[in-house]
Amino acid sequence: MTIIVDGPLIRLAGNCGAEDAEILLSRLQEAPESQIDVSASRHLHGAVVQVFLALRPTVRGMAEDVFLRDWVIPCLAAPP
């Protein structure tokens, strides 16, 4: 499993596919205060990135994925 829920922390690990977007969306809707740890993720499908951009959760860690590290995470830190 690529999404591991540990209390208020959601860990993304390995390659997160499109099917993970629905799981992530549901969890963030149930607990919007959750933080996302991407330090163990290697790749995020565009659908997962869309959940990030739509709900703007707090992201911890730094991903190996260059696009996520250089473009997505800085966008989440910027005001909407």
PDB file of N, CA and C in Angstrom:
ATOM      1  N   MET A   1       0.848  -1.192   0.000  1.00  0.00           N
ATOM      2  CA  MET A   1       0.000   0.000   0.000  1.00  0.00           C
ATOM      3  C   MET A   1       0.881   1.238   0.000  1.00  0.00           C
ATOM      4  N   THR A   2       0.496   2.208  -0.770  1.00  0.00           N
ATOM      5  CA  THR A   2       1.305   3.414  -0.881  1.00  0.00           C
ATOM      6  C   THR A   2       0.847   4.531   0.038  1.00  0.00           C
ATOM      7  N   ILE A   3      -0.344   4.403   0.629  1.00  0.00           N
ATOM      8  CA  ILE A   3      -0.838   5.408   1.576  1.00  0.00           C
ATOM      9  C   ILE A   3      -0.962   4.751   2.941  1.00  0.00           C
ATOM     10  N   ILE A   4      -0.242   5.292   3.908  1.00  0.00           N
ATOM     11  CA  ILE A   4      -0.257   4.764   5.266  1.00  0.00           C
ATOM     12  C   ILE A   4      -0.750   5.871   6.185  1.00  0.00           C
ATOM     13  N   VAL A   5      -1.863   5.625   6.857  1.00  0.00           N
ATOM     14  CA  VAL A   5      -2.423   6.612   7.779  1.00  0.00           C
ATOM     15  C   VAL A   5      -1.933   6.287   9.181  1.00  0.00           C
ATOM     16  N   ASP A   6      -1.275   7.268   9.794  1.00  0.00           N
ATOM     17  CA  ASP A   6      -0.729   7.119  11.140  1.00  0.00           C
ATOM     18  C   ASP A   6      -1.222   8.290  11.972  1.00  0.00           C
ATOM     19  N   GLY A   7      -2.465   8.174  12.460  1.00  0.00           N
ATOM     20  CA  GLY A   7      -3.079   9.273  13.207  1.00  0.00           C
ATOM     21  C   GLY A   7      -3.287  10.467  12.296  1.00  0.00           C
ATOM     22  N   PRO A   8      -2.777  11.638  12.694  1.00  0.00           N
ATOM     23  CA  PRO A   8      -2.956  12.841  11.863  1.00  0.00           C
ATOM     24  C   PRO A   8      -1.947  12.946  10.715  1.00  0.00           C
ATOM     25  N   LEU A   9      -1.101  11.924  10.566  1.00  0.00           N
ATOM     26  CA  LEU A   9      -0.084  11.942   9.517  1.00  0.00           C
ATOM     27  C   LEU A   9      -0.431  10.908   8.443  1.00  0.00           C
ATOM     28  N   ILE A  10      -0.374  11.332   7.187  1.00  0.00           N
ATOM     29  CA  ILE A  10      -0.594  10.436   6.057  1.00  0.00           C
ATOM     30  C   ILE A  10       0.741  10.319   5.335  1.00  0.00           C
ATOM     31  N   ARG A  11       1.278   9.106   5.286  1.00  0.00           N
ATOM     32  CA  ARG A  11       2.562   8.868   4.628  1.00  0.00           C
ATOM     33  C   ARG A  11       2.314   8.304   3.230  1.00  0.00           C
ATOM     34  N   LEU A  12       2.973   8.897   2.242  1.00  0.00           N
ATOM     35  CA  LEU A  12       2.924   8.393   0.881  1.00  0.00           C
ATOM     36  C   LEU A  12       4.252   7.711   0.605  1.00  0.00           C
ATOM     37  N   ALA A  13       4.185   6.460   0.132  1.00  0.00           N
ATOM     38  CA  ALA A  13       5.405   5.684  -0.085  1.00  0.00           C
ATOM     39  C   ALA A  13       5.417   5.078  -1.480  1.00  0.00           C
ATOM     40  N   GLY A  14       6.593   5.044  -2.070  1.00  0.00           N
ATOM     41  CA  GLY A  14       6.751   4.415  -3.381  1.00  0.00           C
ATOM     42  C   GLY A  14       6.080   5.208  -4.478  1.00  0.00           C
ATOM     43  N   ASN A  15       5.505   4.488  -5.434  1.00  0.00           N
ATOM     44  CA  ASN A  15       4.813   5.103  -6.563  1.00  0.00           C
ATOM     45  C   ASN A  15       3.324   5.161  -6.268  1.00  0.00           C
ATOM     46  N   CYS A  16       2.783   6.340  -6.116  1.00  0.00           N
ATOM     47  CA  CYS A  16       1.360   6.522  -5.824  1.00  0.00           C
ATOM     48  C   CYS A  16       0.607   6.678  -7.142  1.00  0.00           C
ATOM     49  N   GLY A  17      -0.274   5.740  -7.415  1.00  0.00           N
ATOM     50  CA  GLY A  17      -1.018   5.738  -8.664  1.00  0.00           C
ATOM     51  C   GLY A  17      -2.332   6.490  -8.571  1.00  0.00           C
ATOM     52  N   ALA A  18      -3.060   6.487  -9.670  1.00  0.00           N
ATOM     53  CA  ALA A  18      -4.338   7.195  -9.749  1.00  0.00           C
ATOM     54  C   ALA A  18      -5.326   6.674  -8.718  1.00  0.00           C
ATOM     55  N   GLU A  19      -5.300   5.383  -8.442  1.00  0.00           N
ATOM     56  CA  GLU A  19      -6.231   4.808  -7.467  1.00  0.00           C
ATOM     57  C   GLU A  19      -6.002   5.343  -6.057  1.00  0.00           C
ATOM     58  N   ASP A  20      -4.814   5.855  -5.782  1.00  0.00           N
ATOM     59  CA  ASP A  20      -4.514   6.416  -4.466  1.00  0.00           C
ATOM     60  C   ASP A  20      -5.133   7.797  -4.264  1.00  0.00           C
ATOM     61  N   ALA A  21      -5.473   8.477  -5.339  1.00  0.00           N
ATOM     62  CA  ALA A  21      -6.046   9.816  -5.236  1.00  0.00           C
ATOM     63  C   ALA A  21      -7.372   9.793  -4.477  1.00  0.00           C
ATOM     64  N   GLU A  22      -8.210   8.802  -4.760  1.00  0.00           N
ATOM     65  CA  GLU A  22      -9.508   8.725  -4.083  1.00  0.00           C
ATOM     66  C   GLU A  22      -9.334   8.441  -2.591  1.00  0.00           C
ATOM     67  N   ILE A  23      -8.392   7.580  -2.256  1.00  0.00           N
ATOM     68  CA  ILE A  23      -8.116   7.276  -0.849  1.00  0.00           C
ATOM     69  C   ILE A  23      -7.615   8.524  -0.134  1.00  0.00           C
ATOM     70  N   LEU A  24      -6.690   9.220  -0.759  1.00  0.00           N
ATOM     71  CA  LEU A  24      -6.130  10.441  -0.173  1.00  0.00           C
ATOM     72  C   LEU A  24      -7.209  11.512  -0.017  1.00  0.00           C
ATOM     73  N   LEU A  25      -8.018  11.687  -1.034  1.00  0.00           N
ATOM     74  CA  LEU A  25      -9.100  12.666  -0.984  1.00  0.00           C
ATOM     75  C   LEU A  25     -10.058  12.363   0.168  1.00  0.00           C
ATOM     76  N   SER A  26     -10.467  11.111   0.296  1.00  0.00           N
ATOM     77  CA  SER A  26     -11.389  10.721   1.376  1.00  0.00           C
ATOM     78  C   SER A  26     -10.791  11.004   2.744  1.00  0.00           C
ATOM     79  N   ARG A  27      -9.529  10.640   2.923  1.00  0.00           N
ATOM     80  CA  ARG A  27      -8.877  10.846   4.215  1.00  0.00           C
ATOM     81  C   ARG A  27      -8.771  12.336   4.550  1.00  0.00           C
ATOM     82  N   LEU A  28      -8.405  13.150   3.565  1.00  0.00           N
ATOM     83  CA  LEU A  28      -8.282  14.585   3.819  1.00  0.00           C
ATOM     84  C   LEU A  28      -9.634  15.250   4.047  1.00  0.00           C
ATOM     85  N   GLN A  29     -10.691  14.728   3.441  1.00  0.00           N
ATOM     86  CA  GLN A  29     -12.022  15.274   3.703  1.00  0.00           C
ATOM     87  C   GLN A  29     -12.496  14.899   5.101  1.00  0.00           C
ATOM     88  N   GLU A  30     -12.141  13.693   5.560  1.00  0.00           N
ATOM     89  CA  GLU A  30     -12.507  13.250   6.913  1.00  0.00           C
ATOM     90  C   GLU A  30     -11.704  13.985   7.975  1.00  0.00           C
ATOM     91  N   ALA A  31     -10.436  14.246   7.692  1.00  0.00           N
ATOM     92  CA  ALA A  31      -9.540  14.877   8.666  1.00  0.00           C
ATOM     93  C   ALA A  31      -8.687  15.931   7.961  1.00  0.00           C
ATOM     94  N   PRO A  32      -9.277  17.120   7.686  1.00  0.00           N
ATOM     95  CA  PRO A  32      -8.550  18.142   6.928  1.00  0.00           C
ATOM     96  C   PRO A  32      -7.289  18.662   7.614  1.00  0.00           C
ATOM     97  N   GLU A  33      -7.142  18.412   8.897  1.00  0.00           N
ATOM     98  CA  GLU A  33      -5.939  18.857   9.608  1.00  0.00           C
ATOM     99  C   GLU A  33      -4.760  17.914   9.399  1.00  0.00           C
ATOM    100  N   SER A  34      -4.974  16.822   8.711  1.00  0.00           N
ATOM    101  CA  SER A  34      -3.906  15.841   8.469  1.00  0.00           C
ATOM    102  C   SER A  34      -2.750  16.470   7.713  1.00  0.00           C
ATOM    103  N   GLN A  35      -1.558  15.980   8.013  1.00  0.00           N
ATOM    104  CA  GLN A  35      -0.363  16.396   7.294  1.00  0.00           C
ATOM    105  C   GLN A  35       0.084  15.240   6.406  1.00  0.00           C
ATOM    106  N   ILE A  36       0.715  15.569   5.293  1.00  0.00           N
ATOM    107  CA  ILE A  36       1.173  14.574   4.343  1.00  0.00           C
ATOM    108  C   ILE A  36       2.693  14.496   4.401  1.00  0.00           C
ATOM    109  N   ASP A  37       3.218  13.290   4.564  1.00  0.00           N
ATOM    110  CA  ASP A  37       4.666  13.070   4.532  1.00  0.00           C
ATOM    111  C   ASP A  37       5.008  12.415   3.196  1.00  0.00           C
ATOM    112  N   VAL A  38       5.770  13.108   2.370  1.00  0.00           N
ATOM    113  CA  VAL A  38       6.115  12.607   1.034  1.00  0.00           C
ATOM    114  C   VAL A  38       7.561  12.118   0.942  1.00  0.00           C
ATOM    115  N   SER A  39       8.257  12.050   2.069  1.00  0.00           N
ATOM    116  CA  SER A  39       9.687  11.722   2.029  1.00  0.00           C
ATOM    117  C   SER A  39       9.977  10.322   1.494  1.00  0.00           C
ATOM    118  N   ALA A  40       9.030   9.396   1.570  1.00  0.00           N
ATOM    119  CA  ALA A  40       9.249   8.039   1.055  1.00  0.00           C
ATOM    120  C   ALA A  40       8.615   7.828  -0.316  1.00  0.00           C
ATOM    121  N   SER A  41       8.057   8.880  -0.900  1.00  0.00           N
ATOM    122  CA  SER A  41       7.414   8.722  -2.214  1.00  0.00           C
ATOM    123  C   SER A  41       8.438   8.912  -3.329  1.00  0.00           C
ATOM    124  N   ARG A  42       8.249   8.128  -4.391  1.00  0.00           N
ATOM    125  CA  ARG A  42       9.132   8.247  -5.553  1.00  0.00           C
ATOM    126  C   ARG A  42       8.439   8.935  -6.714  1.00  0.00           C
ATOM    127  N   HIS A  43       7.135   8.697  -6.852  1.00  0.00           N
ATOM    128  CA  HIS A  43       6.381   9.284  -7.960  1.00  0.00           C
ATOM    129  C   HIS A  43       4.927   9.432  -7.539  1.00  0.00           C
ATOM    130  N   LEU A  44       4.316  10.555  -7.903  1.00  0.00           N
ATOM    131  CA  LEU A  44       2.899  10.772  -7.640  1.00  0.00           C
ATOM    132  C   LEU A  44       2.171  10.943  -8.965  1.00  0.00           C
ATOM    133  N   HIS A  45       1.118  10.183  -9.140  1.00  0.00           N
ATOM    134  CA  HIS A  45       0.287  10.314 -10.333  1.00  0.00           C
ATOM    135  C   HIS A  45      -0.336  11.710 -10.336  1.00  0.00           C
ATOM    136  N   GLY A  46      -0.644  12.218 -11.505  1.00  0.00           N
ATOM    137  CA  GLY A  46      -1.246  13.541 -11.636  1.00  0.00           C
ATOM    138  C   GLY A  46      -2.523  13.700 -10.833  1.00  0.00           C
ATOM    139  N   ALA A  47      -3.301  12.622 -10.673  1.00  0.00           N
ATOM    140  CA  ALA A  47      -4.533  12.692  -9.888  1.00  0.00           C
ATOM    141  C   ALA A  47      -4.229  12.962  -8.414  1.00  0.00           C
ATOM    142  N   VAL A  48      -3.157  12.397  -7.906  1.00  0.00           N
ATOM    143  CA  VAL A  48      -2.751  12.644  -6.511  1.00  0.00           C
ATOM    144  C   VAL A  48      -2.299  14.097  -6.369  1.00  0.00           C
ATOM    145  N   VAL A  49      -1.552  14.583  -7.345  1.00  0.00           N
ATOM    146  CA  VAL A  49      -1.106  15.979  -7.331  1.00  0.00           C
ATOM    147  C   VAL A  49      -2.309  16.913  -7.363  1.00  0.00           C
ATOM    148  N   GLN A  50      -3.341  16.569  -8.129  1.00  0.00           N
ATOM    149  CA  GLN A  50      -4.550  17.393  -8.189  1.00  0.00           C
ATOM    150  C   GLN A  50      -5.234  17.471  -6.830  1.00  0.00           C
ATOM    151  N   VAL A  51      -5.238  16.369  -6.072  1.00  0.00           N
ATOM    152  CA  VAL A  51      -5.801  16.402  -4.717  1.00  0.00           C
ATOM    153  C   VAL A  51      -4.997  17.371  -3.864  1.00  0.00           C
ATOM    154  N   PHE A  52      -3.674  17.319  -3.984  1.00  0.00           N
ATOM    155  CA  PHE A  52      -2.815  18.257  -3.242  1.00  0.00           C
ATOM    156  C   PHE A  52      -3.183  19.700  -3.577  1.00  0.00           C
ATOM    157  N   LEU A  53      -3.278  19.986  -4.863  1.00  0.00           N
ATOM    158  CA  LEU A  53      -3.526  21.364  -5.289  1.00  0.00           C
ATOM    159  C   LEU A  53      -4.931  21.838  -4.939  1.00  0.00           C
ATOM    160  N   ALA A  54      -5.899  20.932  -4.932  1.00  0.00           N
ATOM    161  CA  ALA A  54      -7.272  21.309  -4.602  1.00  0.00           C
ATOM    162  C   ALA A  54      -7.459  21.536  -3.108  1.00  0.00           C
ATOM    163  N   LEU A  55      -6.882  20.665  -2.283  1.00  0.00           N
ATOM    164  CA  LEU A  55      -7.125  20.739  -0.841  1.00  0.00           C
ATOM    165  C   LEU A  55      -5.997  21.415  -0.068  1.00  0.00           C
ATOM    166  N   ARG A  56      -4.836  21.561  -0.691  1.00  0.00           N
ATOM    167  CA  ARG A  56      -3.690  22.262  -0.110  1.00  0.00           C
ATOM    168  C   ARG A  56      -3.345  21.806   1.312  1.00  0.00           C
ATOM    169  N   PRO A  57      -3.086  20.506   1.492  1.00  0.00           N
ATOM    170  CA  PRO A  57      -2.704  20.038   2.826  1.00  0.00           C
ATOM    171  C   PRO A  57      -1.288  20.482   3.174  1.00  0.00           C
ATOM    172  N   THR A  58      -0.947  20.402   4.442  1.00  0.00           N
ATOM    173  CA  THR A  58       0.417  20.661   4.887  1.00  0.00           C
ATOM    174  C   THR A  58       1.270  19.468   4.481  1.00  0.00           C
ATOM    175  N   VAL A  59       2.378  19.736   3.806  1.00  0.00           N
ATOM    176  CA  VAL A  59       3.254  18.668   3.317  1.00  0.00           C
ATOM    177  C   VAL A  59       4.561  18.714   4.078  1.00  0.00           C
ATOM    178  N   ARG A  60       4.988  17.533   4.551  1.00  0.00           N
ATOM    179  CA  ARG A  60       6.262  17.396   5.259  1.00  0.00           C
ATOM    180  C   ARG A  60       7.204  16.533   4.433  1.00  0.00           C
ATOM    181  N   GLY A  61       8.476  16.718   4.630  1.00  0.00           N
ATOM    182  CA  GLY A  61       9.468  15.901   3.942  1.00  0.00           C
ATOM    183  C   GLY A  61       9.712  16.399   2.530  1.00  0.00           C
ATOM    184  N   MET A  62      10.664  15.787   1.874  1.00  0.00           N
ATOM    185  CA  MET A  62      10.989  16.155   0.506  1.00  0.00           C
ATOM    186  C   MET A  62      10.984  14.881  -0.329  1.00  0.00           C
ATOM    187  N   ALA A  63      10.267  14.930  -1.413  1.00  0.00           N
ATOM    188  CA  ALA A  63      10.126  13.776  -2.288  1.00  0.00           C
ATOM    189  C   ALA A  63      11.300  13.658  -3.243  1.00  0.00           C
ATOM    190  N   GLU A  64      11.547  12.431  -3.724  1.00  0.00           N
ATOM    191  CA  GLU A  64      12.564  12.206  -4.749  1.00  0.00           C
ATOM    192  C   GLU A  64      12.115  12.757  -6.093  1.00  0.00           C
ATOM    193  N   ASP A  65      10.807  12.790  -6.319  1.00  0.00           N
ATOM    194  CA  ASP A  65      10.258  13.219  -7.598  1.00  0.00           C
ATOM    195  C   ASP A  65      10.571  14.704  -7.815  1.00  0.00           C
ATOM    196  N   VAL A  66      11.297  15.019  -8.874  1.00  0.00           N
ATOM    197  CA  VAL A  66      11.748  16.384  -9.143  1.00  0.00           C
ATOM    198  C   VAL A  66      10.573  17.335  -9.356  1.00  0.00           C
ATOM    199  N   PHE A  67       9.566  16.912 -10.098  1.00  0.00           N
ATOM    200  CA  PHE A  67       8.402  17.761 -10.353  1.00  0.00           C
ATOM    201  C   PHE A  67       7.706  18.122  -9.044  1.00  0.00           C
ATOM    202  N   LEU A  68       7.508  17.141  -8.195  1.00  0.00           N
ATOM    203  CA  LEU A  68       6.867  17.394  -6.905  1.00  0.00           C
ATOM    204  C   LEU A  68       7.721  18.330  -6.057  1.00  0.00           C
ATOM    205  N   ARG A  69       9.001  18.043  -5.982  1.00  0.00           N
ATOM    206  CA  ARG A  69       9.910  18.830  -5.148  1.00  0.00           C
ATOM    207  C   ARG A  69      10.049  20.268  -5.634  1.00  0.00           C
ATOM    208  N   ASP A  70      10.202  20.454  -6.948  1.00  0.00           N
ATOM    209  CA  ASP A  70      10.508  21.778  -7.479  1.00  0.00           C
ATOM    210  C   ASP A  70       9.287  22.618  -7.841  1.00  0.00           C
ATOM    211  N   TRP A  71       8.150  21.977  -8.094  1.00  0.00           N
ATOM    212  CA  TRP A  71       6.989  22.729  -8.572  1.00  0.00           C
ATOM    213  C   TRP A  71       5.762  22.621  -7.667  1.00  0.00           C
ATOM    214  N   VAL A  72       5.392  21.410  -7.286  1.00  0.00           N
ATOM    215  CA  VAL A  72       4.132  21.233  -6.550  1.00  0.00           C
ATOM    216  C   VAL A  72       4.247  21.726  -5.120  1.00  0.00           C
ATOM    217  N   ILE A  73       5.253  21.263  -4.380  1.00  0.00           N
ATOM    218  CA  ILE A  73       5.369  21.643  -2.970  1.00  0.00           C
ATOM    219  C   ILE A  73       5.523  23.162  -2.804  1.00  0.00           C
ATOM    220  N   PRO A  74       6.347  23.841  -3.627  1.00  0.00           N
ATOM    221  CA  PRO A  74       6.387  25.308  -3.510  1.00  0.00           C
ATOM    222  C   PRO A  74       5.040  25.969  -3.779  1.00  0.00           C
ATOM    223  N   CYS A  75       4.242  25.419  -4.684  1.00  0.00           N
ATOM    224  CA  CYS A  75       2.905  25.977  -4.949  1.00  0.00           C
ATOM    225  C   CYS A  75       2.003  25.830  -3.734  1.00  0.00           C
ATOM    226  N   LEU A  76       2.153  24.744  -2.998  1.00  0.00           N
ATOM    227  CA  LEU A  76       1.330  24.533  -1.805  1.00  0.00           C
ATOM    228  C   LEU A  76       1.693  25.521  -0.707  1.00  0.00           C
ATOM    229  N   ALA A  77       2.945  25.932  -0.677  1.00  0.00           N
ATOM    230  CA  ALA A  77       3.399  26.866   0.353  1.00  0.00           C
ATOM    231  C   ALA A  77       2.975  28.305   0.035  1.00  0.00           C
ATOM    232  N   ALA A  78       2.705  28.580  -1.231  1.00  0.00           N
ATOM    233  CA  ALA A  78       2.302  29.935  -1.633  1.00  0.00           C
ATOM    234  C   ALA A  78       0.833  30.181  -1.290  1.00  0.00           C
ATOM    235  N   PRO A  79       0.457  31.420  -1.013  1.00  0.00           N
ATOM    236  CA  PRO A  79      -0.954  31.717  -0.742  1.00  0.00           C
ATOM    237  C   PRO A  79      -1.797  31.400  -1.974  1.00  0.00           C
ATOM    238  N   PRO A  80      -3.039  30.914  -1.751  1.00  0.00           N
ATOM    239  CA  PRO A  80      -3.900  30.570  -2.905  1.00  0.00           C
ATOM    240  C   PRO A  80      -4.323  31.775  -3.711  1.00  0.00           C
TER     241      PRO A  80
END
